[in-house]
Amino acid sequence: MNKVFAFLGALALIAAHRAFAVEPLEETVEQQYDVAANVSVSVVNTDGSIRVYGAEASKISIQAIKKAYTQERLEGIVVDIKASSDDVTITTTIPPRKNPLSDRSGTVDYIIVVPQTAKVRQLELTNGELLVEGLRGGSASARLVNGWLAGHNCFGDLALKVETGRLDVAYDWWENHEFSVKAFNTRGNIRASFPSDSAINLTASAPAGRIANGFDTGKTSAADIVHSVSDVLGSDAGAVIGLEAQRGNIRIEKTY
């Protein structure tokens, strides 16, 4: 009898695994609008991702990929886009669960291309990945509750905040402009990567963690625990970059 119950239990586990292995359903929403060079952009999402890329264009292109495991959940996800030449607002609605055992699926992945000089006034994501890349003269304010957030090759003002997760700031090359980056992580680590020819007024603080600084010129030893850094990298620094990890570590890397 015990062998029978064990066999039936194994079949149930196999069936459950196959049920969870089912590929999600997808639906893609695509829109494109002519906009001003300094268009104001706002995107609010719950689960999934937001990726914003700056480009030399006077258009904004929006691709939203909705995913869910049932048609009912997929149809219940609403991507609402309101657009004019100087303002684009995108909001996401994912239907609430009817009960704890109901289908909890539902994500939206955004890929958005904006003018390099766009003013991205709000990027809000609860769970997932958030990326801002390629702004030049524009600005972005981004907040992530849980997941991974990154600013990549942005020569414009950035205000980046993570509640729990990882935060990256990275530059593959350097252009000496006047801009500021404020990167704040409540619970998690920060990694910042800069070329050796960067010109930066740099501050970093990790009160409950430690800072590893690749630009350190031998002022500290490997055994030293560093909680704060205040330094000027290069000459004629126009960029001001501040990193703060309240409960985490900071790694500052020299890329070449």
Protein backbone atom coordinates (compact mmCIF):
# COMPACT_ATOMS: atom_id res chain seq x y z
CA MET A 1 0.00 0.00 0.00
CA ASN A 2 2.81 2.41 0.89
CA LYS A 3 4.41 1.69 -2.48
CA VAL A 4 1.14 2.56 -4.23
CA PHE A 5 0.90 5.89 -2.38
CA ALA A 6 4.55 6.62 -3.18
CA PHE A 7 3.94 5.88 -6.88
CA LEU A 8 0.84 8.09 -6.97
CA GLY A 9 2.75 10.86 -5.20
CA ALA A 10 5.54 10.65 -7.78
CA LEU A 11 3.00 10.93 -10.62
CA ALA A 12 1.50 14.00 -8.96
CA LEU A 13 4.91 15.65 -8.71
CA ILE A 14 5.64 14.93 -12.37
CA ALA A 15 2.28 16.38 -13.40
CA ALA A 16 2.85 19.46 -11.28
CA HIS A 17 6.30 19.98 -12.80
CA ARG A 18 4.89 19.72 -16.32
CA ALA A 19 2.15 22.22 -15.45
CA PHE A 20 4.69 24.77 -14.22
CA ALA A 21 6.94 24.13 -17.25
CA VAL A 22 4.27 25.37 -19.67
CA GLU A 23 5.49 28.35 -21.69
CA PRO A 24 3.67 31.61 -20.91
CA LEU A 25 1.34 33.24 -23.40
CA GLU A 26 2.59 36.49 -24.94
CA GLU A 27 1.13 39.60 -26.50
CA THR A 28 3.16 42.52 -27.86
CA VAL A 29 2.06 46.15 -27.95
CA GLU A 30 4.07 48.52 -30.19
CA GLN A 31 3.66 52.26 -30.64
CA GLN A 32 5.76 55.09 -32.07
CA TYR A 33 5.28 58.85 -31.68
CA ASP A 34 6.98 62.00 -32.96
CA VAL A 35 8.12 63.97 -29.91
CA ALA A 36 10.15 66.99 -28.87
CA ALA A 37 13.84 66.57 -28.09
CA ASN A 38 13.21 67.27 -24.40
CA VAL A 39 10.05 65.17 -24.14
CA SER A 40 8.98 64.25 -20.60
CA VAL A 41 8.59 60.49 -20.08
CA SER A 42 7.04 58.47 -17.26
CA VAL A 43 6.76 54.67 -17.00
CA VAL A 44 5.17 52.75 -14.12
CA ASN A 45 5.28 48.94 -14.03
CA THR A 46 4.71 46.26 -11.40
CA ASP A 47 6.47 43.06 -12.50
CA GLY A 48 8.82 42.53 -15.42
CA SER A 49 11.33 45.02 -16.76
CA ILE A 50 11.81 48.55 -18.08
CA ARG A 51 14.66 49.27 -20.50
CA VAL A 52 15.10 52.82 -21.75
CA TYR A 53 17.63 53.65 -24.48
CA GLY A 54 18.65 57.11 -25.65
CA ALA A 55 19.06 57.60 -29.40
CA GLU A 56 19.66 60.37 -31.93
CA ALA A 57 16.03 60.61 -32.96
CA SER A 58 12.98 62.82 -32.57
CA LYS A 59 10.71 59.86 -31.92
CA ILE A 60 9.81 57.62 -29.02
CA SER A 61 9.36 53.93 -29.76
CA ILE A 62 7.56 51.72 -27.26
CA GLN A 63 7.44 47.94 -27.19
CA ALA A 64 5.56 46.24 -24.36
CA ILE A 65 5.64 42.44 -24.13
CA LYS A 66 2.87 41.08 -21.90
CA LYS A 67 3.20 37.56 -20.48
CA ALA A 68 0.87 35.35 -18.46
CA TYR A 69 0.04 31.66 -18.10
CA THR A 70 -3.67 31.96 -18.91
CA GLN A 71 -5.56 33.91 -21.56
CA GLU A 72 -7.73 35.49 -18.87
CA ARG A 73 -4.71 36.88 -17.05
CA LEU A 74 -3.09 38.03 -20.29
CA GLU A 75 -6.21 39.91 -21.39
CA GLY A 76 -6.45 41.48 -17.93
CA ILE A 77 -3.03 43.17 -18.24
CA VAL A 78 -3.50 46.75 -19.44
CA VAL A 79 -0.75 48.90 -20.95
CA ASP A 80 -2.07 52.47 -21.03
CA ILE A 81 -0.12 54.97 -23.16
CA LYS A 82 -0.94 58.67 -23.22
CA ALA A 83 1.25 60.61 -25.63
CA SER A 84 1.70 64.15 -26.91
CA SER A 85 4.72 65.81 -28.51
CA ASP A 86 6.10 66.93 -25.15
CA ASP A 87 4.81 64.31 -22.71
CA VAL A 88 4.50 60.51 -22.75
CA THR A 89 3.01 58.61 -19.80
CA ILE A 90 2.86 54.81 -19.63
CA THR A 91 1.08 52.96 -16.85
CA THR A 92 0.66 49.24 -16.28
CA THR A 93 -2.26 47.45 -14.65
CA ILE A 94 -1.97 43.79 -13.70
CA PRO A 95 -5.19 42.27 -12.28
CA PRO A 96 -5.10 41.35 -8.59
CA ARG A 97 -5.29 37.74 -7.47
CA LYS A 98 -8.81 36.56 -6.71
CA ASN A 99 -7.56 34.18 -4.00
CA PRO A 100 -4.18 32.88 -2.78
CA LEU A 101 -4.45 29.75 -4.98
CA SER A 102 -5.37 31.56 -8.19
CA ASP A 103 -3.05 32.23 -11.13
CA ARG A 104 -0.51 34.86 -10.02
CA SER A 105 1.20 35.25 -13.39
CA GLY A 106 1.51 38.51 -15.25
CA THR A 107 4.55 40.53 -16.31
CA VAL A 108 5.29 43.30 -18.79
CA ASP A 109 8.71 43.89 -20.37
CA TYR A 110 9.17 47.38 -21.80
CA ILE A 111 11.76 48.37 -24.40
CA ILE A 112 11.58 52.12 -24.95
CA VAL A 113 13.77 54.25 -27.23
CA VAL A 114 13.74 57.99 -26.47
CA PRO A 115 15.66 61.06 -27.68
CA GLN A 116 19.04 61.36 -25.95
CA THR A 117 17.96 64.65 -24.42
CA ALA A 118 14.64 63.34 -23.04
CA LYS A 119 13.64 64.13 -19.48
CA VAL A 120 12.66 60.78 -18.00
CA ARG A 121 10.94 62.13 -14.93
CA GLN A 122 9.75 58.78 -13.55
CA LEU A 123 10.64 55.11 -13.95
CA GLU A 124 8.90 52.99 -11.31
CA LEU A 125 9.18 49.20 -11.08
CA THR A 126 8.23 46.94 -8.19
CA ASN A 127 9.95 43.66 -9.15
CA GLY A 128 12.39 42.93 -11.94
CA GLU A 129 15.09 44.71 -13.95
CA LEU A 130 15.40 48.39 -14.83
CA LEU A 131 17.97 49.87 -17.23
CA VAL A 132 18.67 53.41 -18.47
CA GLU A 133 21.25 53.67 -21.25
CA GLY A 134 22.65 56.22 -23.67
CA LEU A 135 21.21 59.52 -22.45
CA ARG A 136 23.30 62.53 -23.45
CA GLY A 137 22.12 65.82 -21.99
CA GLY A 138 18.87 64.24 -20.84
CA SER A 139 17.97 63.05 -17.35
CA ALA A 140 16.29 60.15 -15.59
CA SER A 141 14.81 59.38 -12.19
CA ALA A 142 14.39 55.65 -11.52
CA ARG A 143 13.16 53.69 -8.51
CA LEU A 144 13.13 49.91 -8.10
CA VAL A 145 11.70 48.09 -5.10
CA ASN A 146 13.27 44.66 -5.67
CA GLY A 147 15.69 43.48 -8.35
CA TRP A 148 18.48 44.99 -10.48
CA LEU A 149 18.85 48.60 -11.63
CA ALA A 150 21.57 49.99 -13.91
CA GLY A 151 22.62 53.25 -15.52
CA HIS A 152 24.88 52.66 -18.53
CA ASN A 153 26.79 55.27 -20.58
CA CYS A 154 24.51 58.11 -19.49
CA PHE A 155 26.06 61.58 -19.71
CA GLY A 156 23.09 63.28 -18.09
CA ASP A 157 21.60 63.69 -14.64
CA LEU A 158 20.57 60.40 -13.01
CA ALA A 159 18.77 59.74 -9.73
CA LEU A 160 18.77 55.97 -9.15
CA LYS A 161 17.27 54.26 -6.11
CA VAL A 162 16.94 50.58 -5.14
CA GLU A 163 15.15 49.33 -2.05
CA THR A 164 16.45 45.73 -2.16
CA GLY A 165 18.76 44.38 -4.82
CA ARG A 166 21.73 45.43 -6.91
CA LEU A 167 22.60 48.78 -8.46
CA ASP A 168 25.18 49.30 -11.23
CA VAL A 169 26.58 52.49 -12.76
CA ALA A 170 28.88 51.85 -15.72
CA TYR A 171 30.70 53.78 -18.45
CA ASP A 172 32.51 52.14 -21.36
CA TRP A 173 34.12 55.44 -22.41
CA TRP A 174 34.26 58.96 -21.03
CA GLU A 175 32.92 62.33 -22.23
CA ASN A 176 33.67 65.27 -19.96
CA HIS A 177 30.27 66.95 -19.51
CA GLU A 178 28.64 68.58 -16.53
CA PHE A 179 26.12 66.16 -15.05
CA SER A 180 25.35 64.41 -11.78
CA VAL A 181 24.61 60.84 -10.76
CA LYS A 182 23.05 59.97 -7.42
CA ALA A 183 22.91 56.21 -6.80
CA PHE A 184 21.29 55.00 -3.57
CA ASN A 185 20.76 51.42 -2.41
CA THR A 186 18.92 50.69 0.83
CA ARG A 187 19.65 46.96 1.08
CA GLY A 188 22.17 45.70 -1.43
CA ASN A 189 25.45 46.39 -3.21
CA ILE A 190 26.55 49.06 -5.68
CA ARG A 191 29.08 48.51 -8.45
CA ALA A 192 30.44 51.50 -10.37
CA SER A 193 32.77 51.21 -13.39
CA PHE A 194 34.66 54.13 -14.92
CA PRO A 195 37.44 54.44 -17.53
CA SER A 196 40.88 55.53 -16.36
CA ASP A 197 40.53 58.88 -18.17
CA SER A 198 37.32 59.82 -16.32
CA ALA A 199 37.01 63.28 -14.79
CA ILE A 200 34.75 62.94 -11.75
CA ASN A 201 34.06 64.47 -8.39
CA LEU A 202 33.36 61.18 -6.60
CA THR A 203 31.88 60.46 -3.20
CA ALA A 204 30.87 57.06 -1.83
CA SER A 205 29.44 55.91 1.48
CA ALA A 206 28.80 52.42 2.87
CA PRO A 207 28.22 52.90 6.62
CA ALA A 208 27.35 49.25 7.28
CA GLY A 209 29.57 47.74 4.59
CA ARG A 210 32.89 48.40 2.90
CA ILE A 211 34.20 50.13 -0.21
CA ALA A 212 36.71 48.61 -2.63
CA ASN A 213 38.17 51.43 -4.74
CA GLY A 214 40.05 50.53 -7.91
CA PHE A 215 41.23 54.14 -8.23
CA ASP A 216 42.92 54.06 -4.82
CA THR A 217 46.58 54.99 -5.29
CA GLY A 218 47.90 53.05 -2.33
CA LYS A 219 46.40 55.23 0.39
CA THR A 220 44.87 52.15 2.03
CA SER A 221 45.89 48.52 2.33
CA ALA A 222 43.80 45.46 1.50
CA ALA A 223 43.23 44.93 5.22
CA ASP A 224 41.68 48.38 5.73
CA ILE A 225 37.91 48.60 5.97
CA VAL A 226 36.83 51.74 4.12
CA HIS A 227 33.36 53.15 4.73
CA SER A 228 33.62 56.43 2.80
CA VAL A 229 35.46 57.90 -0.17
CA SER A 230 35.76 61.49 -1.34
CA ASP A 231 38.05 61.98 -4.31
CA VAL A 232 38.55 63.84 -7.57
CA LEU A 233 39.41 61.66 -10.54
CA GLY A 234 41.15 63.28 -13.49
CA SER A 235 41.32 67.01 -14.20
CA ASP A 236 38.64 69.61 -14.99
CA ALA A 237 36.01 67.30 -13.55
CA GLY A 238 32.51 68.36 -14.56
CA ALA A 239 30.66 65.27 -13.40
CA VAL A 240 29.54 64.80 -9.82
CA ILE A 241 28.83 61.19 -8.83
CA GLY A 242 27.58 60.10 -5.42
CA LEU A 243 27.17 56.47 -4.36
CA GLU A 244 25.49 55.37 -1.13
CA ALA A 245 24.80 51.82 0.05
CA GLN A 246 23.05 51.96 3.41
CA ARG A 247 23.28 48.24 4.09
CA GLY A 248 25.67 46.88 1.51
CA ASN A 249 29.07 47.18 -0.12
CA ILE A 250 30.39 49.40 -2.92
CA ARG A 251 32.90 48.36 -5.57
CA ILE A 252 34.46 51.08 -7.75
CA GLU A 253 36.21 49.62 -10.78
CA LYS A 254 38.62 51.03 -13.37
CA THR A 255 37.60 49.62 -16.75
CA TYR A 256 40.84 50.40 -18.66
